[in-house]
N, C-alpha and C. Protein backbone atom coordinates (compact mmCIF):
# COMPACT_ATOMS: atom_id res chain seq x y z
N THR A 1 -48.42 225.39 228.25
CA THR A 1 -47.90 225.77 226.96
C THR A 1 -48.95 225.47 225.91
N VAL A 2 -49.26 226.47 225.08
CA VAL A 2 -50.22 226.33 223.99
C VAL A 2 -49.44 226.00 222.73
N VAL A 3 -49.83 224.89 222.06
CA VAL A 3 -49.10 224.41 220.89
C VAL A 3 -50.06 224.26 219.72
N ASP A 4 -49.62 224.70 218.53
CA ASP A 4 -50.38 224.48 217.30
C ASP A 4 -50.27 223.00 216.96
N PRO A 5 -51.40 222.27 216.86
CA PRO A 5 -51.32 220.82 216.65
C PRO A 5 -50.84 220.41 215.26
N GLU A 6 -50.86 221.31 214.29
CA GLU A 6 -50.39 220.97 212.94
C GLU A 6 -48.90 221.24 212.78
N SER A 7 -48.44 222.41 213.24
CA SER A 7 -47.03 222.77 213.06
C SER A 7 -46.17 222.45 214.28
N PHE A 8 -46.82 222.16 215.40
CA PHE A 8 -46.15 221.92 216.69
C PHE A 8 -45.39 223.15 217.19
N GLU A 9 -45.75 224.31 216.67
CA GLU A 9 -45.15 225.57 217.09
C GLU A 9 -45.76 225.99 218.43
N VAL A 10 -44.89 226.45 219.34
CA VAL A 10 -45.36 226.98 220.61
C VAL A 10 -45.97 228.35 220.35
N LEU A 11 -47.26 228.50 220.69
CA LEU A 11 -47.98 229.74 220.45
C LEU A 11 -47.98 230.67 221.65
N ASP A 12 -47.98 230.08 222.85
CA ASP A 12 -48.08 230.90 224.06
C ASP A 12 -47.69 230.05 225.26
N GLU A 13 -47.27 230.73 226.32
CA GLU A 13 -47.04 230.08 227.60
C GLU A 13 -47.85 230.83 228.64
N ILE A 14 -48.58 230.09 229.45
CA ILE A 14 -49.48 230.69 230.43
C ILE A 14 -49.06 230.22 231.82
N ALA A 15 -48.82 231.16 232.72
CA ALA A 15 -48.43 230.82 234.09
C ALA A 15 -49.63 230.26 234.85
N VAL A 16 -49.41 229.12 235.52
CA VAL A 16 -50.43 228.50 236.37
C VAL A 16 -49.81 228.24 237.74
N GLY A 17 -50.50 227.48 238.57
CA GLY A 17 -50.01 227.21 239.93
C GLY A 17 -48.87 226.21 239.98
N ASP A 18 -48.46 225.86 241.20
CA ASP A 18 -47.33 224.97 241.43
C ASP A 18 -47.63 223.53 241.02
N ASN A 19 -46.67 222.92 240.35
CA ASN A 19 -46.73 221.53 239.90
C ASN A 19 -48.05 221.18 239.24
N PRO A 20 -48.35 221.81 238.10
CA PRO A 20 -49.59 221.48 237.40
C PRO A 20 -49.56 220.01 236.98
N ASP A 21 -50.68 219.33 237.18
CA ASP A 21 -50.72 217.90 236.93
C ASP A 21 -51.78 217.55 235.89
N GLY A 22 -53.06 217.67 236.23
CA GLY A 22 -54.14 217.30 235.33
C GLY A 22 -54.67 218.50 234.57
N ILE A 23 -55.25 218.22 233.39
CA ILE A 23 -55.78 219.31 232.57
C ILE A 23 -57.02 218.82 231.82
N ALA A 24 -58.01 219.69 231.71
CA ALA A 24 -59.23 219.39 230.95
C ALA A 24 -59.67 220.67 230.25
N ALA A 25 -60.26 220.53 229.07
CA ALA A 25 -60.74 221.69 228.32
C ALA A 25 -62.21 221.48 227.99
N VAL A 26 -63.01 222.55 228.21
CA VAL A 26 -64.44 222.49 227.91
C VAL A 26 -64.97 223.91 227.82
N GLY A 27 -65.85 224.16 226.88
CA GLY A 27 -66.56 225.44 226.81
C GLY A 27 -65.68 226.67 226.71
N GLY A 28 -64.56 226.58 226.01
CA GLY A 28 -63.68 227.73 225.86
C GLY A 28 -62.81 228.01 227.08
N ARG A 29 -62.78 227.07 228.02
CA ARG A 29 -61.94 227.21 229.20
C ARG A 29 -61.05 225.99 229.35
N VAL A 30 -59.89 226.21 229.93
CA VAL A 30 -58.95 225.14 230.23
C VAL A 30 -58.76 225.12 231.73
N PHE A 31 -58.86 223.94 232.33
CA PHE A 31 -58.77 223.78 233.78
C PHE A 31 -57.50 222.99 234.10
N VAL A 32 -56.62 223.58 234.91
CA VAL A 32 -55.35 222.97 235.25
C VAL A 32 -55.32 222.72 236.76
N ALA A 33 -55.18 221.45 237.15
CA ALA A 33 -55.09 221.07 238.56
C ALA A 33 -53.66 221.31 239.03
N ASN A 34 -53.51 222.15 240.05
CA ASN A 34 -52.19 222.52 240.57
C ASN A 34 -51.93 221.73 241.85
N SER A 35 -51.29 220.57 241.72
CA SER A 35 -51.16 219.68 242.88
C SER A 35 -50.15 220.16 243.91
N ALA A 36 -49.10 220.86 243.49
CA ALA A 36 -48.03 221.29 244.39
C ALA A 36 -47.54 220.12 245.24
N PHE A 37 -47.39 218.96 244.58
CA PHE A 37 -46.93 217.73 245.24
C PHE A 37 -47.79 217.38 246.44
N GLY A 38 -49.10 217.59 246.34
CA GLY A 38 -50.04 217.24 247.40
C GLY A 38 -50.37 218.38 248.33
N ALA A 39 -49.63 219.48 248.27
CA ALA A 39 -49.86 220.60 249.19
C ALA A 39 -50.68 221.72 248.56
N GLY A 40 -51.03 221.60 247.28
CA GLY A 40 -51.79 222.65 246.61
C GLY A 40 -53.28 222.56 246.89
N ASN A 41 -53.98 223.64 246.57
CA ASN A 41 -55.45 223.64 246.72
C ASN A 41 -56.10 224.57 245.70
N THR A 42 -55.46 224.71 244.51
CA THR A 42 -56.04 225.58 243.50
C THR A 42 -56.12 224.88 242.14
N VAL A 43 -57.03 225.39 241.34
CA VAL A 43 -57.15 225.03 239.93
C VAL A 43 -57.01 226.33 239.15
N SER A 44 -56.17 226.34 238.13
CA SER A 44 -56.08 227.52 237.27
C SER A 44 -57.14 227.39 236.19
N VAL A 45 -57.99 228.40 236.07
CA VAL A 45 -59.02 228.43 235.03
C VAL A 45 -58.55 229.43 233.99
N ILE A 46 -58.34 228.93 232.77
CA ILE A 46 -57.79 229.74 231.69
C ILE A 46 -58.89 230.01 230.66
N ASP A 47 -59.07 231.26 230.30
CA ASP A 47 -59.95 231.63 229.19
C ASP A 47 -59.15 231.37 227.92
N ALA A 48 -59.57 230.41 227.11
CA ALA A 48 -58.81 230.02 225.93
C ALA A 48 -58.69 231.14 224.90
N ALA A 49 -59.67 232.03 224.82
CA ALA A 49 -59.64 233.11 223.83
C ALA A 49 -58.64 234.20 224.20
N THR A 50 -58.49 234.47 225.50
CA THR A 50 -57.63 235.57 225.92
C THR A 50 -56.34 235.12 226.59
N ALA A 51 -56.25 233.84 226.95
CA ALA A 51 -55.11 233.26 227.69
C ALA A 51 -54.98 233.82 229.10
N ASP A 52 -56.04 234.46 229.60
CA ASP A 52 -56.04 234.93 230.99
C ASP A 52 -56.29 233.76 231.91
N ALA A 53 -55.48 233.66 232.96
CA ALA A 53 -55.62 232.58 233.94
C ALA A 53 -55.94 233.17 235.30
N ARG A 54 -56.84 232.49 236.01
CA ARG A 54 -57.15 232.90 237.38
C ARG A 54 -57.22 231.65 238.25
N PRO A 55 -56.71 231.77 239.48
CA PRO A 55 -56.78 230.61 240.38
C PRO A 55 -58.15 230.51 241.03
N VAL A 56 -58.63 229.28 241.20
CA VAL A 56 -59.86 229.01 241.94
C VAL A 56 -59.47 228.08 243.09
N GLU A 57 -59.74 228.51 244.32
CA GLU A 57 -59.48 227.63 245.47
C GLU A 57 -60.55 226.56 245.52
N VAL A 58 -60.11 225.31 245.73
CA VAL A 58 -61.04 224.20 245.68
C VAL A 58 -61.23 223.48 247.02
N ASP A 59 -60.66 223.97 248.10
CA ASP A 59 -60.87 223.44 249.45
C ASP A 59 -60.64 221.94 249.53
N CYS A 60 -59.53 221.51 248.96
CA CYS A 60 -59.09 220.13 249.09
C CYS A 60 -57.58 220.11 248.86
N ASP A 61 -56.93 219.04 249.31
CA ASP A 61 -55.48 218.95 249.20
C ASP A 61 -55.06 218.14 247.98
N GLY A 62 -54.15 218.71 247.19
CA GLY A 62 -53.54 218.00 246.08
C GLY A 62 -54.40 217.78 244.85
N PRO A 63 -54.99 218.84 244.26
CA PRO A 63 -55.71 218.64 243.00
C PRO A 63 -54.76 218.08 241.95
N ARG A 64 -55.07 216.88 241.43
CA ARG A 64 -54.11 216.22 240.56
C ARG A 64 -54.68 215.85 239.20
N TRP A 65 -55.91 215.48 239.09
CA TRP A 65 -56.46 214.96 237.84
C TRP A 65 -57.71 215.77 237.50
N ALA A 66 -57.99 215.96 236.23
CA ALA A 66 -59.17 216.71 235.79
C ALA A 66 -59.87 215.94 234.66
N GLU A 67 -61.19 215.89 234.72
CA GLU A 67 -62.00 215.25 233.67
C GLU A 67 -63.23 216.13 233.41
N ALA A 68 -63.57 216.33 232.14
CA ALA A 68 -64.79 217.05 231.78
C ALA A 68 -65.84 216.04 231.35
N ASP A 69 -67.09 216.24 231.78
CA ASP A 69 -68.16 215.31 231.39
C ASP A 69 -68.96 215.87 230.22
N ALA A 70 -69.95 215.12 229.79
CA ALA A 70 -70.75 215.50 228.63
C ALA A 70 -71.60 216.74 228.87
N ASP A 71 -71.90 217.06 230.14
CA ASP A 71 -72.71 218.24 230.48
C ASP A 71 -71.88 219.51 230.64
N GLY A 72 -70.56 219.39 230.51
CA GLY A 72 -69.70 220.56 230.65
C GLY A 72 -69.22 220.82 232.06
N ASP A 73 -69.47 219.89 232.98
CA ASP A 73 -68.89 220.01 234.32
C ASP A 73 -67.46 219.49 234.27
N VAL A 74 -66.62 220.03 235.15
CA VAL A 74 -65.24 219.57 235.25
C VAL A 74 -65.04 219.00 236.64
N PHE A 75 -64.57 217.77 236.69
CA PHE A 75 -64.33 217.07 237.94
C PHE A 75 -62.84 217.15 238.25
N ILE A 76 -62.51 217.68 239.42
CA ILE A 76 -61.13 217.80 239.88
C ILE A 76 -60.93 216.77 240.98
N PHE A 77 -59.95 215.90 240.81
CA PHE A 77 -59.68 214.83 241.76
C PHE A 77 -58.50 215.24 242.64
N CYS A 78 -58.79 215.45 243.91
CA CYS A 78 -57.78 215.86 244.89
C CYS A 78 -57.30 214.63 245.65
N THR A 79 -56.01 214.41 245.67
CA THR A 79 -55.45 213.19 246.24
C THR A 79 -55.59 213.12 247.75
N GLY A 80 -55.59 214.28 248.42
CA GLY A 80 -55.38 214.30 249.86
C GLY A 80 -53.89 214.49 250.08
N GLN A 81 -53.50 214.67 251.31
CA GLN A 81 -52.10 214.99 251.58
C GLN A 81 -51.58 214.15 252.73
N VAL A 82 -50.34 213.67 252.60
CA VAL A 82 -49.65 213.02 253.71
C VAL A 82 -49.00 214.13 254.52
N ILE A 83 -49.16 214.09 255.83
CA ILE A 83 -48.61 215.11 256.72
C ILE A 83 -47.37 214.53 257.40
N TYR A 84 -46.27 215.29 257.35
CA TYR A 84 -44.99 214.83 257.90
C TYR A 84 -44.55 215.71 259.05
N ASP A 85 -43.75 215.13 259.96
CA ASP A 85 -43.13 215.92 261.02
C ASP A 85 -41.82 216.51 260.49
N ASP A 86 -41.06 217.19 261.34
CA ASP A 86 -39.82 217.84 260.91
C ASP A 86 -38.76 216.85 260.42
N SER A 87 -38.88 215.58 260.80
CA SER A 87 -37.91 214.55 260.38
C SER A 87 -38.43 213.74 259.20
N TRP A 88 -39.48 214.19 258.57
CA TRP A 88 -40.10 213.54 257.41
C TRP A 88 -40.71 212.18 257.74
N ASN A 89 -41.21 212.03 258.96
CA ASN A 89 -41.97 210.85 259.32
C ASN A 89 -43.45 211.16 259.08
N ALA A 90 -44.15 210.25 258.42
CA ALA A 90 -45.58 210.46 258.18
C ALA A 90 -46.32 210.39 259.51
N ILE A 91 -47.07 211.45 259.82
CA ILE A 91 -47.79 211.50 261.09
C ILE A 91 -49.30 211.62 260.90
N GLY A 92 -49.75 211.64 259.66
CA GLY A 92 -51.18 211.73 259.40
C GLY A 92 -51.43 211.98 257.92
N SER A 93 -52.69 212.12 257.58
CA SER A 93 -53.04 212.42 256.20
C SER A 93 -54.43 213.02 256.16
N THR A 94 -54.73 213.64 255.03
CA THR A 94 -56.08 214.14 254.79
C THR A 94 -56.72 213.30 253.70
N ASP A 95 -58.04 213.19 253.74
CA ASP A 95 -58.76 212.43 252.73
C ASP A 95 -58.82 213.19 251.42
N GLY A 96 -59.00 212.46 250.35
CA GLY A 96 -59.19 213.07 249.05
C GLY A 96 -60.62 213.57 248.90
N ALA A 97 -60.86 214.25 247.79
CA ALA A 97 -62.19 214.76 247.48
C ALA A 97 -62.28 214.98 245.98
N VAL A 98 -63.50 215.02 245.48
CA VAL A 98 -63.74 215.35 244.08
C VAL A 98 -64.51 216.67 244.09
N ILE A 99 -63.97 217.66 243.43
CA ILE A 99 -64.59 218.98 243.35
C ILE A 99 -65.18 219.12 241.94
N VAL A 100 -66.42 219.58 241.86
CA VAL A 100 -67.08 219.76 240.57
C VAL A 100 -67.12 221.25 240.27
N LEU A 101 -66.58 221.62 239.10
CA LEU A 101 -66.56 223.01 238.66
C LEU A 101 -67.48 223.17 237.45
N SER A 102 -68.11 224.32 237.35
CA SER A 102 -68.89 224.64 236.16
C SER A 102 -67.92 224.91 235.01
N GLY A 103 -68.14 224.24 233.88
CA GLY A 103 -67.30 224.47 232.72
C GLY A 103 -67.48 225.84 232.12
N THR A 104 -68.60 226.49 232.37
CA THR A 104 -68.83 227.82 231.80
C THR A 104 -68.31 228.93 232.69
N SER A 105 -68.45 228.80 234.00
CA SER A 105 -68.02 229.89 234.90
C SER A 105 -66.71 229.59 235.61
N GLY A 106 -66.36 228.30 235.75
CA GLY A 106 -65.17 227.94 236.50
C GLY A 106 -65.38 227.92 238.00
N GLU A 107 -66.60 228.16 238.45
CA GLU A 107 -66.88 228.19 239.88
C GLU A 107 -67.21 226.80 240.41
N VAL A 108 -66.96 226.60 241.71
CA VAL A 108 -67.26 225.33 242.37
C VAL A 108 -68.77 225.17 242.45
N VAL A 109 -69.29 224.03 241.94
CA VAL A 109 -70.73 223.76 241.98
C VAL A 109 -71.05 222.49 242.76
N GLY A 110 -70.03 221.76 243.20
CA GLY A 110 -70.29 220.56 243.97
C GLY A 110 -69.03 219.99 244.58
N ARG A 111 -69.23 219.07 245.52
CA ARG A 111 -68.12 218.41 246.22
C ARG A 111 -68.56 217.00 246.56
N ILE A 112 -67.65 216.05 246.34
CA ILE A 112 -67.88 214.65 246.70
C ILE A 112 -66.73 214.24 247.61
N ASP A 113 -67.01 214.01 248.88
CA ASP A 113 -65.98 213.58 249.83
C ASP A 113 -65.77 212.08 249.70
N VAL A 114 -64.53 211.64 249.87
CA VAL A 114 -64.21 210.22 249.85
C VAL A 114 -63.48 209.85 251.13
N ASP A 115 -63.52 208.58 251.46
CA ASP A 115 -62.85 208.06 252.64
C ASP A 115 -61.54 207.43 252.20
N GLY A 116 -60.44 208.15 252.36
CA GLY A 116 -59.14 207.69 251.91
C GLY A 116 -58.55 208.67 250.92
N ARG A 117 -57.43 208.27 250.34
CA ARG A 117 -56.74 209.12 249.39
C ARG A 117 -57.08 208.68 247.97
N ILE A 118 -57.21 209.64 247.07
CA ILE A 118 -57.48 209.36 245.65
C ILE A 118 -56.15 209.22 244.92
N GLY A 119 -56.07 208.22 244.04
CA GLY A 119 -54.91 208.13 243.18
C GLY A 119 -54.41 206.73 242.99
N ALA A 120 -53.64 206.57 241.91
CA ALA A 120 -52.97 205.32 241.60
C ALA A 120 -51.80 205.13 242.55
N SER A 121 -51.25 203.92 242.58
CA SER A 121 -50.12 203.64 243.47
C SER A 121 -48.86 204.37 243.02
N GLU A 122 -48.76 204.66 241.76
CA GLU A 122 -47.67 205.45 241.19
C GLU A 122 -48.31 206.53 240.35
N PHE A 123 -47.50 207.40 239.74
CA PHE A 123 -48.08 208.37 238.82
C PHE A 123 -48.69 207.60 237.66
N GLY A 124 -50.00 207.68 237.54
CA GLY A 124 -50.70 206.95 236.51
C GLY A 124 -52.04 207.60 236.25
N GLN A 125 -52.97 206.85 235.75
CA GLN A 125 -54.29 207.36 235.43
C GLN A 125 -55.21 207.13 236.63
N ASP A 126 -55.49 208.21 237.37
CA ASP A 126 -56.29 208.14 238.60
C ASP A 126 -57.76 207.92 238.33
N ALA A 127 -58.25 208.41 237.18
CA ALA A 127 -59.69 208.37 236.90
C ALA A 127 -59.91 208.18 235.41
N TYR A 128 -61.10 207.64 235.08
CA TYR A 128 -61.46 207.43 233.69
C TYR A 128 -62.93 207.81 233.50
N PHE A 129 -63.21 208.69 232.53
CA PHE A 129 -64.59 209.09 232.23
C PHE A 129 -65.10 208.26 231.07
N ASP A 130 -66.23 207.59 231.29
CA ASP A 130 -66.89 206.82 230.23
C ASP A 130 -68.10 207.63 229.77
N ALA A 131 -68.01 208.21 228.58
CA ALA A 131 -69.07 209.07 228.06
C ALA A 131 -70.36 208.31 227.78
N VAL A 132 -70.26 207.02 227.46
CA VAL A 132 -71.46 206.24 227.16
C VAL A 132 -72.34 206.08 228.39
N SER A 133 -71.76 205.68 229.50
CA SER A 133 -72.53 205.46 230.73
C SER A 133 -72.61 206.71 231.60
N GLU A 134 -71.87 207.76 231.24
CA GLU A 134 -71.80 209.01 232.00
C GLU A 134 -71.36 208.74 233.44
N ARG A 135 -70.30 207.91 233.54
CA ARG A 135 -69.73 207.59 234.84
C ARG A 135 -68.23 207.84 234.82
N ILE A 136 -67.70 208.18 235.98
CA ILE A 136 -66.26 208.30 236.16
C ILE A 136 -65.84 207.21 237.14
N PHE A 137 -64.80 206.48 236.79
CA PHE A 137 -64.23 205.45 237.64
C PHE A 137 -62.94 206.02 238.23
N VAL A 138 -62.85 206.08 239.56
CA VAL A 138 -61.72 206.73 240.21
C VAL A 138 -61.09 205.80 241.25
N LEU A 139 -59.75 205.73 241.22
CA LEU A 139 -59.02 204.90 242.18
C LEU A 139 -58.94 205.60 243.53
N ARG A 140 -59.13 204.82 244.59
CA ARG A 140 -59.03 205.34 245.95
C ARG A 140 -58.31 204.31 246.80
N SER A 141 -57.35 204.76 247.59
CA SER A 141 -56.65 203.86 248.52
C SER A 141 -57.14 204.13 249.93
N ALA A 142 -57.40 203.03 250.64
CA ALA A 142 -57.85 203.12 252.03
C ALA A 142 -57.48 201.83 252.74
N ASP A 143 -56.93 201.96 253.92
CA ASP A 143 -56.61 200.78 254.74
C ASP A 143 -55.78 199.74 254.00
N ASP A 144 -54.72 200.16 253.32
CA ASP A 144 -53.77 199.28 252.63
C ASP A 144 -54.36 198.47 251.48
N HIS A 145 -55.42 198.96 250.86
CA HIS A 145 -55.96 198.32 249.67
C HIS A 145 -56.56 199.41 248.77
N PHE A 146 -56.95 199.01 247.58
CA PHE A 146 -57.54 199.95 246.63
C PHE A 146 -59.02 199.65 246.42
N MET A 147 -59.77 200.70 246.18
CA MET A 147 -61.18 200.63 245.80
C MET A 147 -61.32 201.43 244.50
N VAL A 148 -62.40 201.18 243.79
CA VAL A 148 -62.77 202.02 242.65
C VAL A 148 -64.13 202.62 242.97
N ASP A 149 -64.18 203.94 243.10
CA ASP A 149 -65.46 204.62 243.29
C ASP A 149 -66.03 204.95 241.93
N VAL A 150 -67.33 204.73 241.77
CA VAL A 150 -68.02 205.00 240.51
C VAL A 150 -68.88 206.24 240.72
N ILE A 151 -68.58 207.30 239.99
CA ILE A 151 -69.29 208.56 240.12
C ILE A 151 -70.27 208.70 238.96
N ASP A 152 -71.53 208.91 239.31
CA ASP A 152 -72.57 209.19 238.32
C ASP A 152 -72.49 210.69 238.02
N THR A 153 -72.10 211.06 236.80
CA THR A 153 -71.92 212.48 236.48
C THR A 153 -73.23 213.22 236.27
N ARG A 154 -74.35 212.50 236.18
CA ARG A 154 -75.65 213.17 236.08
C ARG A 154 -76.08 213.70 237.44
N SER A 155 -75.77 212.96 238.51
CA SER A 155 -76.17 213.37 239.86
C SER A 155 -74.99 213.89 240.69
N ASN A 156 -73.77 213.75 240.16
CA ASN A 156 -72.55 214.15 240.87
C ASN A 156 -72.45 213.49 242.24
N THR A 157 -72.70 212.18 242.26
CA THR A 157 -72.61 211.39 243.49
C THR A 157 -71.86 210.09 243.21
N ILE A 158 -71.33 209.48 244.27
CA ILE A 158 -70.76 208.15 244.15
C ILE A 158 -71.91 207.17 244.14
N SER A 159 -72.07 206.45 243.03
CA SER A 159 -73.19 205.51 242.90
C SER A 159 -72.84 204.14 243.45
N SER A 160 -71.55 203.78 243.44
CA SER A 160 -71.13 202.50 243.99
C SER A 160 -69.62 202.52 244.17
N SER A 161 -69.14 201.52 244.90
CA SER A 161 -67.70 201.30 245.07
C SER A 161 -67.41 199.84 244.77
N ILE A 162 -66.29 199.59 244.12
CA ILE A 162 -65.90 198.24 243.72
C ILE A 162 -64.59 197.90 244.42
N GLY A 163 -64.50 196.71 244.96
CA GLY A 163 -63.28 196.28 245.62
C GLY A 163 -63.59 195.78 247.00
N PRO A 164 -62.62 195.54 247.81
CA PRO A 164 -61.23 195.99 247.74
C PRO A 164 -60.36 195.11 246.83
N PHE A 165 -59.28 195.75 246.34
CA PHE A 165 -58.28 195.07 245.53
C PHE A 165 -56.95 195.13 246.27
N GLU A 166 -56.25 194.01 246.30
CA GLU A 166 -54.93 193.93 246.94
C GLU A 166 -53.86 194.34 245.94
N GLY A 167 -52.71 194.73 246.43
CA GLY A 167 -51.58 195.05 245.58
C GLY A 167 -51.62 196.48 245.08
N GLN A 168 -50.73 196.77 244.14
CA GLN A 168 -50.58 198.11 243.59
C GLN A 168 -51.40 198.24 242.31
N ILE A 169 -52.06 199.38 242.13
CA ILE A 169 -52.82 199.66 240.91
C ILE A 169 -52.34 200.99 240.36
N GLY A 170 -51.91 200.99 239.09
CA GLY A 170 -51.34 202.18 238.48
C GLY A 170 -52.27 202.94 237.56
N ALA A 171 -53.42 202.36 237.20
CA ALA A 171 -54.32 203.04 236.27
C ALA A 171 -55.68 202.35 236.28
N VAL A 172 -56.68 203.07 235.75
CA VAL A 172 -58.04 202.55 235.65
C VAL A 172 -58.61 202.93 234.29
N ALA A 173 -59.40 202.02 233.70
CA ALA A 173 -60.13 202.31 232.45
C ALA A 173 -61.36 201.42 232.42
N PHE A 174 -62.34 201.81 231.60
CA PHE A 174 -63.59 201.05 231.50
C PHE A 174 -63.97 200.93 230.04
N ASP A 175 -64.36 199.72 229.61
CA ASP A 175 -64.84 199.47 228.26
C ASP A 175 -66.34 199.28 228.34
N SER A 176 -67.12 200.30 227.91
CA SER A 176 -68.57 200.23 228.04
C SER A 176 -69.18 199.20 227.09
N SER A 177 -68.57 198.95 225.94
CA SER A 177 -69.15 197.96 225.02
C SER A 177 -69.04 196.54 225.57
N ALA A 178 -67.99 196.26 226.30
CA ALA A 178 -67.83 194.93 226.91
C ALA A 178 -68.27 194.92 228.37
N ASP A 179 -68.57 196.11 228.92
CA ASP A 179 -68.93 196.25 230.33
C ASP A 179 -67.84 195.65 231.23
N GLU A 180 -66.58 196.06 230.96
CA GLU A 180 -65.44 195.54 231.72
C GLU A 180 -64.59 196.69 232.25
N LEU A 181 -64.18 196.53 233.48
CA LEU A 181 -63.30 197.49 234.16
C LEU A 181 -61.88 196.94 234.09
N TYR A 182 -60.93 197.80 233.77
CA TYR A 182 -59.52 197.39 233.68
C TYR A 182 -58.71 198.15 234.71
N LEU A 183 -57.90 197.40 235.46
CA LEU A 183 -57.01 197.97 236.48
C LEU A 183 -55.59 197.51 236.23
């Protein structure tokens, strides 16, 4: 839904994929992660001037969070998917991934595979972009604990991992002036 920020009037409604979750805007485009409750694999790329939307397949399960960096790349955080049998017993899962899209074309320009599922323990803030250090801090669960992967947005690689942390983590943030990570 497009809303005028001064009058709060609804200007337009644009159809996107199933269960849209994360959203980022850069370079005249809006990127909507269509998680479909973990079963989705598309991002809707919307031309802000025309309101035309097109799906982009991202070859990962559960696109949930979106962040744009200072260079105009858009990082899509895919949670991975829990696989169930007919009786709803968990019988497996797929790993998460970070897909990098060009902010100008909307096309896939990179992929960062992770070991485990991406996301907070509940619906929360899965990732945090720090513009000062040009890093993204992203929560990842693996082997009954949490890690924080640090993505260098200049090289589009995981530069380090922090943890493991025990217990449940619902969000992540970083204060570059104090050089402190908050979970």
